[in-house]
Amino acid sequence: MNKYMVVCTFQPGLAWEEVTAMVPEEMEVAKALEAEGILSAIRVSVARDKVFLEVVADDVDQATATVQRLPMSKWWELDLYQIAVPA
């Protein structure tokens, strides 16, 4: 298994009321992914309209599929980076 840092950038022009309304559902799905051991960290930068996720997956496609399980992913542009622990 590999770790990926996924930088999720909110698409411009969003109706933030919709985003806020989806927070409870997002948190529920995120907790389930954490329980599965495939989502290990979530950080949010509201000022930069970004969410940073650490995902455990075999490959980029699997990491992308994991992120796409989150309801808010429909509003994100994704950049994935495989990360390694320094030796």
N, C-alpha and C. Protein backbone atom coordinates (compact mmCIF):
# COMPACT_ATOMS: atom_id res chain seq x y z
N MET A 1 0.85 -1.19 0.00
CA MET A 1 0.00 0.00 0.00
C MET A 1 0.88 1.24 0.00
N ASN A 2 0.41 2.26 -0.67
CA ASN A 2 1.11 3.54 -0.77
C ASN A 2 0.28 4.63 -0.10
N LYS A 3 0.94 5.70 0.26
CA LYS A 3 0.23 6.87 0.78
C LYS A 3 0.24 7.95 -0.28
N TYR A 4 -0.86 8.66 -0.37
CA TYR A 4 -1.02 9.75 -1.31
C TYR A 4 -1.52 10.99 -0.57
N MET A 5 -0.96 12.14 -0.93
CA MET A 5 -1.51 13.41 -0.49
C MET A 5 -2.37 13.89 -1.64
N VAL A 6 -3.62 14.14 -1.33
CA VAL A 6 -4.56 14.59 -2.35
C VAL A 6 -4.94 16.03 -2.02
N VAL A 7 -4.63 16.92 -2.95
CA VAL A 7 -4.99 18.32 -2.80
C VAL A 7 -6.28 18.53 -3.58
N CYS A 8 -7.31 18.88 -2.85
CA CYS A 8 -8.65 19.04 -3.42
C CYS A 8 -8.98 20.53 -3.45
N THR A 9 -9.14 21.08 -4.62
CA THR A 9 -9.42 22.50 -4.76
C THR A 9 -10.88 22.68 -5.17
N PHE A 10 -11.60 23.46 -4.38
CA PHE A 10 -13.00 23.72 -4.72
C PHE A 10 -13.09 24.48 -6.04
N GLN A 11 -14.04 24.08 -6.86
CA GLN A 11 -14.27 24.76 -8.13
C GLN A 11 -14.76 26.18 -7.86
N PRO A 12 -14.38 27.12 -8.69
CA PRO A 12 -14.82 28.51 -8.47
C PRO A 12 -16.32 28.65 -8.67
N GLY A 13 -16.89 29.63 -8.00
CA GLY A 13 -18.30 29.96 -8.19
C GLY A 13 -19.28 29.06 -7.47
N LEU A 14 -18.82 28.37 -6.44
CA LEU A 14 -19.73 27.48 -5.72
C LEU A 14 -20.73 28.24 -4.88
N ALA A 15 -21.87 27.63 -4.67
CA ALA A 15 -22.84 28.14 -3.71
C ALA A 15 -22.46 27.52 -2.35
N TRP A 16 -21.80 28.31 -1.50
CA TRP A 16 -21.27 27.78 -0.25
C TRP A 16 -22.36 27.29 0.69
N GLU A 17 -23.60 27.72 0.49
CA GLU A 17 -24.70 27.19 1.30
C GLU A 17 -24.85 25.69 1.05
N GLU A 18 -24.66 25.27 -0.21
CA GLU A 18 -24.74 23.84 -0.55
C GLU A 18 -23.61 23.06 0.11
N VAL A 19 -22.43 23.63 0.09
CA VAL A 19 -21.28 22.98 0.71
C VAL A 19 -21.54 22.81 2.21
N THR A 20 -21.95 23.87 2.86
CA THR A 20 -22.21 23.83 4.29
C THR A 20 -23.29 22.81 4.63
N ALA A 21 -24.31 22.74 3.81
CA ALA A 21 -25.40 21.79 4.05
C ALA A 21 -24.93 20.34 3.94
N MET A 22 -23.86 20.10 3.19
CA MET A 22 -23.38 18.74 2.99
C MET A 22 -22.37 18.29 4.05
N VAL A 23 -21.97 19.17 4.94
CA VAL A 23 -20.94 18.84 5.94
C VAL A 23 -21.29 17.60 6.77
N PRO A 24 -22.49 17.45 7.31
CA PRO A 24 -22.78 16.25 8.11
C PRO A 24 -22.61 14.94 7.31
N GLU A 25 -23.08 14.92 6.08
CA GLU A 25 -22.94 13.74 5.23
C GLU A 25 -21.46 13.47 4.93
N GLU A 26 -20.72 14.54 4.65
CA GLU A 26 -19.28 14.42 4.37
C GLU A 26 -18.55 13.82 5.57
N MET A 27 -18.88 14.30 6.76
CA MET A 27 -18.22 13.80 7.97
C MET A 27 -18.53 12.32 8.20
N GLU A 28 -19.75 11.92 7.93
CA GLU A 28 -20.14 10.52 8.10
C GLU A 28 -19.35 9.61 7.16
N VAL A 29 -19.25 9.99 5.90
CA VAL A 29 -18.51 9.18 4.93
C VAL A 29 -17.02 9.18 5.27
N ALA A 30 -16.48 10.34 5.68
CA ALA A 30 -15.07 10.42 6.06
C ALA A 30 -14.77 9.50 7.23
N LYS A 31 -15.64 9.45 8.22
CA LYS A 31 -15.44 8.55 9.37
C LYS A 31 -15.43 7.09 8.91
N ALA A 32 -16.30 6.75 7.98
CA ALA A 32 -16.34 5.38 7.46
C ALA A 32 -15.04 5.04 6.74
N LEU A 33 -14.52 5.98 5.94
CA LEU A 33 -13.26 5.74 5.22
C LEU A 33 -12.08 5.63 6.20
N GLU A 34 -12.12 6.42 7.27
CA GLU A 34 -11.09 6.31 8.30
C GLU A 34 -11.18 4.95 8.99
N ALA A 35 -12.38 4.49 9.27
CA ALA A 35 -12.56 3.18 9.90
C ALA A 35 -12.05 2.05 9.00
N GLU A 36 -12.15 2.23 7.69
CA GLU A 36 -11.64 1.24 6.74
C GLU A 36 -10.11 1.30 6.64
N GLY A 37 -9.52 2.35 7.21
CA GLY A 37 -8.07 2.49 7.17
C GLY A 37 -7.53 3.04 5.87
N ILE A 38 -8.39 3.69 5.07
CA ILE A 38 -7.93 4.20 3.77
C ILE A 38 -7.89 5.73 3.70
N LEU A 39 -8.40 6.39 4.73
CA LEU A 39 -8.29 7.84 4.84
C LEU A 39 -7.67 8.12 6.20
N SER A 40 -6.46 8.67 6.19
CA SER A 40 -5.75 8.81 7.46
C SER A 40 -5.62 10.24 7.95
N ALA A 41 -5.90 11.23 7.13
CA ALA A 41 -5.83 12.62 7.59
C ALA A 41 -6.67 13.52 6.70
N ILE A 42 -7.27 14.52 7.34
CA ILE A 42 -8.06 15.53 6.63
C ILE A 42 -7.68 16.89 7.20
N ARG A 43 -7.32 17.80 6.32
CA ARG A 43 -7.01 19.17 6.72
C ARG A 43 -7.72 20.10 5.74
N VAL A 44 -8.24 21.20 6.26
CA VAL A 44 -9.01 22.13 5.43
C VAL A 44 -8.40 23.52 5.53
N SER A 45 -8.24 24.16 4.38
CA SER A 45 -7.85 25.56 4.33
C SER A 45 -8.98 26.33 3.67
N VAL A 46 -9.85 26.88 4.50
CA VAL A 46 -10.99 27.64 3.98
C VAL A 46 -10.51 28.86 3.21
N ALA A 47 -9.47 29.52 3.72
CA ALA A 47 -8.95 30.72 3.08
C ALA A 47 -8.44 30.44 1.66
N ARG A 48 -7.99 29.22 1.42
CA ARG A 48 -7.45 28.86 0.10
C ARG A 48 -8.39 27.97 -0.70
N ASP A 49 -9.58 27.68 -0.16
CA ASP A 49 -10.56 26.81 -0.83
C ASP A 49 -9.98 25.44 -1.16
N LYS A 50 -9.25 24.87 -0.20
CA LYS A 50 -8.61 23.57 -0.42
C LYS A 50 -8.85 22.63 0.75
N VAL A 51 -8.88 21.36 0.40
CA VAL A 51 -8.91 20.28 1.38
C VAL A 51 -7.73 19.39 1.07
N PHE A 52 -7.00 18.97 2.11
CA PHE A 52 -5.84 18.10 1.96
C PHE A 52 -6.18 16.77 2.61
N LEU A 53 -6.07 15.70 1.84
CA LEU A 53 -6.40 14.36 2.33
C LEU A 53 -5.18 13.46 2.22
N GLU A 54 -4.97 12.63 3.23
CA GLU A 54 -3.96 11.58 3.12
C GLU A 54 -4.71 10.28 2.95
N VAL A 55 -4.42 9.61 1.85
CA VAL A 55 -5.14 8.40 1.46
C VAL A 55 -4.16 7.25 1.33
N VAL A 56 -4.56 6.08 1.79
CA VAL A 56 -3.77 4.86 1.63
C VAL A 56 -4.41 4.04 0.52
N ALA A 57 -3.60 3.71 -0.50
CA ALA A 57 -4.15 2.99 -1.66
C ALA A 57 -3.03 2.26 -2.39
N ASP A 58 -3.40 1.29 -3.20
CA ASP A 58 -2.42 0.56 -4.00
C ASP A 58 -1.83 1.43 -5.10
N ASP A 59 -2.67 2.29 -5.70
CA ASP A 59 -2.22 3.10 -6.82
C ASP A 59 -3.06 4.38 -6.92
N VAL A 60 -2.72 5.22 -7.87
CA VAL A 60 -3.41 6.50 -8.05
C VAL A 60 -4.89 6.30 -8.34
N ASP A 61 -5.21 5.32 -9.15
CA ASP A 61 -6.62 5.09 -9.48
C ASP A 61 -7.43 4.73 -8.24
N GLN A 62 -6.87 3.90 -7.39
CA GLN A 62 -7.57 3.51 -6.16
C GLN A 62 -7.68 4.71 -5.22
N ALA A 63 -6.63 5.52 -5.14
CA ALA A 63 -6.68 6.73 -4.30
C ALA A 63 -7.76 7.68 -4.80
N THR A 64 -7.82 7.85 -6.11
CA THR A 64 -8.85 8.71 -6.71
C THR A 64 -10.24 8.18 -6.40
N ALA A 65 -10.43 6.88 -6.52
CA ALA A 65 -11.73 6.27 -6.24
C ALA A 65 -12.13 6.47 -4.78
N THR A 66 -11.17 6.41 -3.89
CA THR A 66 -11.45 6.64 -2.47
C THR A 66 -11.95 8.06 -2.27
N VAL A 67 -11.25 9.03 -2.82
CA VAL A 67 -11.65 10.44 -2.67
C VAL A 67 -13.03 10.67 -3.28
N GLN A 68 -13.30 10.03 -4.39
CA GLN A 68 -14.59 10.23 -5.06
C GLN A 68 -15.76 9.65 -4.28
N ARG A 69 -15.48 8.87 -3.25
CA ARG A 69 -16.56 8.39 -2.38
C ARG A 69 -17.07 9.50 -1.46
N LEU A 70 -16.28 10.54 -1.27
CA LEU A 70 -16.70 11.67 -0.44
C LEU A 70 -17.70 12.53 -1.21
N PRO A 71 -18.81 12.88 -0.60
CA PRO A 71 -19.85 13.64 -1.31
C PRO A 71 -19.37 14.96 -1.90
N MET A 72 -18.46 15.65 -1.20
CA MET A 72 -18.00 16.95 -1.70
C MET A 72 -17.05 16.84 -2.88
N SER A 73 -16.61 15.65 -3.18
CA SER A 73 -15.65 15.49 -4.28
C SER A 73 -16.22 15.98 -5.61
N LYS A 74 -17.53 16.05 -5.71
CA LYS A 74 -18.12 16.54 -6.96
C LYS A 74 -17.77 18.00 -7.22
N TRP A 75 -17.30 18.71 -6.20
CA TRP A 75 -16.93 20.12 -6.34
C TRP A 75 -15.43 20.34 -6.37
N TRP A 76 -14.63 19.27 -6.41
CA TRP A 76 -13.18 19.39 -6.30
C TRP A 76 -12.45 19.08 -7.60
N GLU A 77 -11.38 19.80 -7.80
CA GLU A 77 -10.36 19.44 -8.77
C GLU A 77 -9.28 18.73 -7.95
N LEU A 78 -8.80 17.57 -8.39
CA LEU A 78 -7.87 16.78 -7.60
C LEU A 78 -6.46 16.80 -8.16
N ASP A 79 -5.50 16.92 -7.26
CA ASP A 79 -4.09 16.72 -7.56
C ASP A 79 -3.58 15.68 -6.58
N LEU A 80 -3.06 14.57 -7.11
CA LEU A 80 -2.58 13.48 -6.26
C LEU A 80 -1.07 13.37 -6.33
N TYR A 81 -0.49 13.16 -5.15
CA TYR A 81 0.96 13.03 -5.03
C TYR A 81 1.27 11.82 -4.16
N GLN A 82 2.02 10.88 -4.68
CA GLN A 82 2.45 9.77 -3.85
C GLN A 82 3.50 10.30 -2.88
N ILE A 83 3.35 9.94 -1.62
CA ILE A 83 4.29 10.40 -0.61
C ILE A 83 5.01 9.21 -0.01
N ALA A 84 6.21 9.47 0.47
CA ALA A 84 7.01 8.41 1.08
C ALA A 84 7.54 8.90 2.42
N VAL A 85 7.68 7.96 3.31
CA VAL A 85 8.27 8.27 4.60
C VAL A 85 9.78 8.30 4.42
N PRO A 86 10.44 9.34 4.90
CA PRO A 86 11.91 9.38 4.76
C PRO A 86 12.57 8.16 5.41
N ALA A 87 13.60 7.66 4.77
CA ALA A 87 14.28 6.46 5.29
C ALA A 87 15.13 6.80 6.49
